Amino acid sequence: MALPTDECDALHAAGRIVLGDPVVDPAKTTYPVRPALRSAPAPAGALRQAALTA
């Protein structure tokens, strides 16, 4: 699943996701993302994994 860059930037700035190492090809750069560690459990149906495509 790919999220829009603006949405991922906002989630990253809020500390909600952590970006992995970028995967670069000639047309785009993709970052694997994962939820940031939190002390409270995530709500049911929370985002498990996504990829940011820039």
PDB file of N, CA and C in Angstrom:
ATOM      1  N   MET A   1       0.848  -1.164   0.000  1.00  0.00           N
ATOM      2  CA  MET A   1       0.000   0.000   0.000  1.00  0.00           C
ATOM      3  C   MET A   1       0.891   1.223   0.000  1.00  0.00           C
ATOM      4  N   ALA A   2       0.612   2.174  -0.838  1.00  0.00           N
ATOM      5  CA  ALA A   2       1.385   3.408  -0.895  1.00  0.00           C
ATOM      6  C   ALA A   2       0.556   4.551  -0.324  1.00  0.00           C
ATOM      7  N   LEU A   3       1.204   5.374   0.462  1.00  0.00           N
ATOM      8  CA  LEU A   3       0.559   6.556   1.030  1.00  0.00           C
ATOM      9  C   LEU A   3       1.085   7.789   0.313  1.00  0.00           C
ATOM     10  N   PRO A   4       0.270   8.827   0.188  1.00  0.00           N
ATOM     11  CA  PRO A   4       0.758  10.076  -0.402  1.00  0.00           C
ATOM     12  C   PRO A   4       1.914  10.645   0.428  1.00  0.00           C
ATOM     13  N   THR A   5       2.827  11.292  -0.249  1.00  0.00           N
ATOM     14  CA  THR A   5       4.007  11.860   0.414  1.00  0.00           C
ATOM     15  C   THR A   5       3.619  12.791   1.550  1.00  0.00           C
ATOM     16  N   ASP A   6       2.646  13.673   1.333  1.00  0.00           N
ATOM     17  CA  ASP A   6       2.234  14.626   2.376  1.00  0.00           C
ATOM     18  C   ASP A   6       1.736  13.901   3.624  1.00  0.00           C
ATOM     19  N   GLU A   7       0.965  12.832   3.418  1.00  0.00           N
ATOM     20  CA  GLU A   7       0.441  12.073   4.559  1.00  0.00           C
ATOM     21  C   GLU A   7       1.574  11.396   5.329  1.00  0.00           C
ATOM     22  N   CYS A   8       2.514  10.810   4.608  1.00  0.00           N
ATOM     23  CA  CYS A   8       3.647  10.167   5.279  1.00  0.00           C
ATOM     24  C   CYS A   8       4.521  11.190   5.998  1.00  0.00           C
ATOM     25  N   ASP A   9       4.739  12.341   5.373  1.00  0.00           N
ATOM     26  CA  ASP A   9       5.517  13.397   6.032  1.00  0.00           C
ATOM     27  C   ASP A   9       4.866  13.806   7.344  1.00  0.00           C
ATOM     28  N   ALA A  10       3.543  13.948   7.345  1.00  0.00           N
ATOM     29  CA  ALA A  10       2.827  14.343   8.562  1.00  0.00           C
ATOM     30  C   ALA A  10       2.917  13.245   9.628  1.00  0.00           C
ATOM     31  N   LEU A  11       2.738  11.996   9.237  1.00  0.00           N
ATOM     32  CA  LEU A  11       2.840  10.887  10.195  1.00  0.00           C
ATOM     33  C   LEU A  11       4.253  10.781  10.757  1.00  0.00           C
ATOM     34  N   HIS A  12       5.251  10.979   9.906  1.00  0.00           N
ATOM     35  CA  HIS A  12       6.649  10.925  10.354  1.00  0.00           C
ATOM     36  C   HIS A  12       6.956  12.075  11.305  1.00  0.00           C
ATOM     37  N   ALA A  13       6.517  13.284  10.961  1.00  0.00           N
ATOM     38  CA  ALA A  13       6.752  14.457  11.815  1.00  0.00           C
ATOM     39  C   ALA A  13       6.076  14.300  13.175  1.00  0.00           C
ATOM     40  N   ALA A  14       4.930  13.616  13.204  1.00  0.00           N
ATOM     41  CA  ALA A  14       4.196  13.406  14.459  1.00  0.00           C
ATOM     42  C   ALA A  14       4.752  12.231  15.261  1.00  0.00           C
ATOM     43  N   GLY A  15       5.762  11.546  14.718  1.00  0.00           N
ATOM     44  CA  GLY A  15       6.346  10.415  15.440  1.00  0.00           C
ATOM     45  C   GLY A  15       5.507   9.148  15.368  1.00  0.00           C
ATOM     46  N   ARG A  16       4.585   9.080  14.419  1.00  0.00           N
ATOM     47  CA  ARG A  16       3.691   7.925  14.302  1.00  0.00           C
ATOM     48  C   ARG A  16       4.299   6.799  13.474  1.00  0.00           C
ATOM     49  N   ILE A  17       5.221   7.135  12.513  1.00  0.00           N
ATOM     50  CA  ILE A  17       5.858   6.117  11.690  1.00  0.00           C
ATOM     51  C   ILE A  17       7.361   6.339  11.666  1.00  0.00           C
ATOM     52  N   VAL A  18       8.084   5.282  11.322  1.00  0.00           N
ATOM     53  CA  VAL A  18       9.536   5.325  11.163  1.00  0.00           C
ATOM     54  C   VAL A  18       9.838   4.913   9.733  1.00  0.00           C
ATOM     55  N   LEU A  19      10.672   5.702   9.044  1.00  0.00           N
ATOM     56  CA  LEU A  19      11.041   5.390   7.674  1.00  0.00           C
ATOM     57  C   LEU A  19      12.240   4.450   7.653  1.00  0.00           C
ATOM     58  N   GLY A  20      12.209   3.482   6.752  1.00  0.00           N
ATOM     59  CA  GLY A  20      13.328   2.578   6.553  1.00  0.00           C
ATOM     60  C   GLY A  20      14.286   3.142   5.512  1.00  0.00           C
ATOM     61  N   ASP A  21      15.265   2.347   5.106  1.00  0.00           N
ATOM     62  CA  ASP A  21      16.211   2.766   4.081  1.00  0.00           C
ATOM     63  C   ASP A  21      15.502   2.893   2.739  1.00  0.00           C
ATOM     64  N   PRO A  22      15.816   3.946   1.973  1.00  0.00           N
ATOM     65  CA  PRO A  22      15.145   4.143   0.696  1.00  0.00           C
ATOM     66  C   PRO A  22      15.564   3.103  -0.338  1.00  0.00           C
ATOM     67  N   VAL A  23      14.622   2.752  -1.211  1.00  0.00           N
ATOM     68  CA  VAL A  23      14.884   1.899  -2.364  1.00  0.00           C
ATOM     69  C   VAL A  23      14.711   2.808  -3.569  1.00  0.00           C
ATOM     70  N   VAL A  24      15.792   3.034  -4.309  1.00  0.00           N
ATOM     71  CA  VAL A  24      15.783   4.004  -5.396  1.00  0.00           C
ATOM     72  C   VAL A  24      15.828   3.276  -6.738  1.00  0.00           C
ATOM     73  N   ASP A  25      14.936   3.666  -7.643  1.00  0.00           N
ATOM     74  CA  ASP A  25      15.028   3.228  -9.031  1.00  0.00           C
ATOM     75  C   ASP A  25      14.931   4.482  -9.888  1.00  0.00           C
ATOM     76  N   PRO A  26      15.120   4.394 -11.198  1.00  0.00           N
ATOM     77  CA  PRO A  26      15.153   5.606 -12.026  1.00  0.00           C
ATOM     78  C   PRO A  26      13.883   6.453 -11.965  1.00  0.00           C
ATOM     79  N   ALA A  27      12.734   5.869 -11.674  1.00  0.00           N
ATOM     80  CA  ALA A  27      11.475   6.615 -11.719  1.00  0.00           C
ATOM     81  C   ALA A  27      11.015   7.130 -10.366  1.00  0.00           C
ATOM     82  N   LYS A  28      11.472   6.529  -9.266  1.00  0.00           N
ATOM     83  CA  LYS A  28      10.940   6.920  -7.961  1.00  0.00           C
ATOM     84  C   LYS A  28      11.837   6.418  -6.835  1.00  0.00           C
ATOM     85  N   THR A  29      11.586   6.938  -5.665  1.00  0.00           N
ATOM     86  CA  THR A  29      12.227   6.465  -4.441  1.00  0.00           C
ATOM     87  C   THR A  29      11.129   5.975  -3.514  1.00  0.00           C
ATOM     88  N   THR A  30      11.289   4.776  -2.988  1.00  0.00           N
ATOM     89  CA  THR A  30      10.293   4.185  -2.102  1.00  0.00           C
ATOM     90  C   THR A  30      10.921   3.944  -0.739  1.00  0.00           C
ATOM     91  N   TYR A  31      10.218   4.317   0.320  1.00  0.00           N
ATOM     92  CA  TYR A  31      10.671   4.101   1.682  1.00  0.00           C
ATOM     93  C   TYR A  31       9.745   3.106   2.372  1.00  0.00           C
ATOM     94  N   PRO A  32      10.260   1.986   2.867  1.00  0.00           N
ATOM     95  CA  PRO A  32       9.413   1.143   3.705  1.00  0.00           C
ATOM     96  C   PRO A  32       9.161   1.880   5.020  1.00  0.00           C
ATOM     97  N   VAL A  33       7.979   1.754   5.556  1.00  0.00           N
ATOM     98  CA  VAL A  33       7.652   2.409   6.818  1.00  0.00           C
ATOM     99  C   VAL A  33       7.070   1.391   7.782  1.00  0.00           C
ATOM    100  N   ARG A  34       7.197   1.704   9.055  1.00  0.00           N
ATOM    101  CA  ARG A  34       6.599   0.858  10.092  1.00  0.00           C
ATOM    102  C   ARG A  34       6.090   1.776  11.185  1.00  0.00           C
ATOM    103  N   PRO A  35       5.131   1.303  11.952  1.00  0.00           N
ATOM    104  CA  PRO A  35       4.632   2.132  13.048  1.00  0.00           C
ATOM    105  C   PRO A  35       5.751   2.430  14.051  1.00  0.00           C
ATOM    106  N   ALA A  36       5.742   3.609  14.594  1.00  0.00           N
ATOM    107  CA  ALA A  36       6.689   3.957  15.650  1.00  0.00           C
ATOM    108  C   ALA A  36       6.274   3.230  16.926  1.00  0.00           C
ATOM    109  N   LEU A  37       7.230   2.915  17.767  1.00  0.00           N
ATOM    110  CA  LEU A  37       6.919   2.263  19.037  1.00  0.00           C
ATOM    111  C   LEU A  37       6.143   3.225  19.916  1.00  0.00           C
ATOM    112  N   ARG A  38       5.080   2.724  20.484  1.00  0.00           N
ATOM    113  CA  ARG A  38       4.251   3.536  21.383  1.00  0.00           C
ATOM    114  C   ARG A  38       3.987   2.737  22.634  1.00  0.00           C
ATOM    115  N   SER A  39       3.720   3.425  23.722  1.00  0.00           N
ATOM    116  CA  SER A  39       3.471   2.736  24.984  1.00  0.00           C
ATOM    117  C   SER A  39       2.071   2.137  25.041  1.00  0.00           C
ATOM    118  N   ALA A  40       1.114   2.757  24.361  1.00  0.00           N
ATOM    119  CA  ALA A  40      -0.264   2.239  24.357  1.00  0.00           C
ATOM    120  C   ALA A  40      -0.453   1.327  23.153  1.00  0.00           C
ATOM    121  N   PRO A  41      -1.286   0.307  23.266  1.00  0.00           N
ATOM    122  CA  PRO A  41      -1.520  -0.561  22.115  1.00  0.00           C
ATOM    123  C   PRO A  41      -2.238   0.189  20.996  1.00  0.00           C
ATOM    124  N   ALA A  42      -1.948  -0.209  19.754  1.00  0.00           N
ATOM    125  CA  ALA A  42      -2.588   0.418  18.596  1.00  0.00           C
ATOM    126  C   ALA A  42      -4.050   0.005  18.534  1.00  0.00           C
ATOM    127  N   PRO A  43      -4.911   0.877  18.038  1.00  0.00           N
ATOM    128  CA  PRO A  43      -6.325   0.515  17.911  1.00  0.00           C
ATOM    129  C   PRO A  43      -6.516  -0.600  16.890  1.00  0.00           C
ATOM    130  N   ALA A  44      -7.615  -1.326  17.021  1.00  0.00           N
ATOM    131  CA  ALA A  44      -7.909  -2.417  16.085  1.00  0.00           C
ATOM    132  C   ALA A  44      -7.951  -1.864  14.666  1.00  0.00           C
ATOM    133  N   GLY A  45      -7.364  -2.602  13.742  1.00  0.00           N
ATOM    134  CA  GLY A  45      -7.364  -2.176  12.350  1.00  0.00           C
ATOM    135  C   GLY A  45      -6.319  -1.123  12.044  1.00  0.00           C
ATOM    136  N   ALA A  46      -5.375  -0.902  12.931  1.00  0.00           N
ATOM    137  CA  ALA A  46      -4.352   0.126  12.719  1.00  0.00           C
ATOM    138  C   ALA A  46      -3.443  -0.254  11.555  1.00  0.00           C
ATOM    139  N   LEU A  47      -2.849   0.749  10.958  1.00  0.00           N
ATOM    140  CA  LEU A  47      -1.929   0.560   9.856  1.00  0.00           C
ATOM    141  C   LEU A  47      -0.775  -0.322  10.290  1.00  0.00           C
ATOM    142  N   ARG A  48      -0.541  -1.390   9.574  1.00  0.00           N
ATOM    143  CA  ARG A  48       0.537  -2.314   9.925  1.00  0.00           C
ATOM    144  C   ARG A  48       1.800  -2.048   9.110  1.00  0.00           C
ATOM    145  N   GLN A  49       1.670  -1.879   7.809  1.00  0.00           N
ATOM    146  CA  GLN A  49       2.843  -1.628   6.979  1.00  0.00           C
ATOM    147  C   GLN A  49       2.403  -0.871   5.741  1.00  0.00           C
ATOM    148  N   ALA A  50       3.224   0.026   5.294  1.00  0.00           N
ATOM    149  CA  ALA A  50       2.919   0.779   4.080  1.00  0.00           C
ATOM    150  C   ALA A  50       4.232   1.193   3.447  1.00  0.00           C
ATOM    151  N   ALA A  51       4.168   1.676   2.242  1.00  0.00           N
ATOM    152  CA  ALA A  51       5.348   2.174   1.563  1.00  0.00           C
ATOM    153  C   ALA A  51       5.060   3.584   1.080  1.00  0.00           C
ATOM    154  N   LEU A  52       6.014   4.442   1.299  1.00  0.00           N
ATOM    155  CA  LEU A  52       5.909   5.825   0.835  1.00  0.00           C
ATOM    156  C   LEU A  52       6.592   5.897  -0.512  1.00  0.00           C
ATOM    157  N   THR A  53       5.913   6.395  -1.498  1.00  0.00           N
ATOM    158  CA  THR A  53       6.491   6.561  -2.819  1.00  0.00           C
ATOM    159  C   THR A  53       6.579   8.043  -3.095  1.00  0.00           C
ATOM    160  N   ALA A  54       7.799   8.486  -3.397  1.00  0.00           N
ATOM    161  CA  ALA A  54       8.006   9.908  -3.690  1.00  0.00           C
ATOM    162  C   ALA A  54       8.368  10.086  -5.135  1.00  0.00           C
TER     163      ALA A  54
END
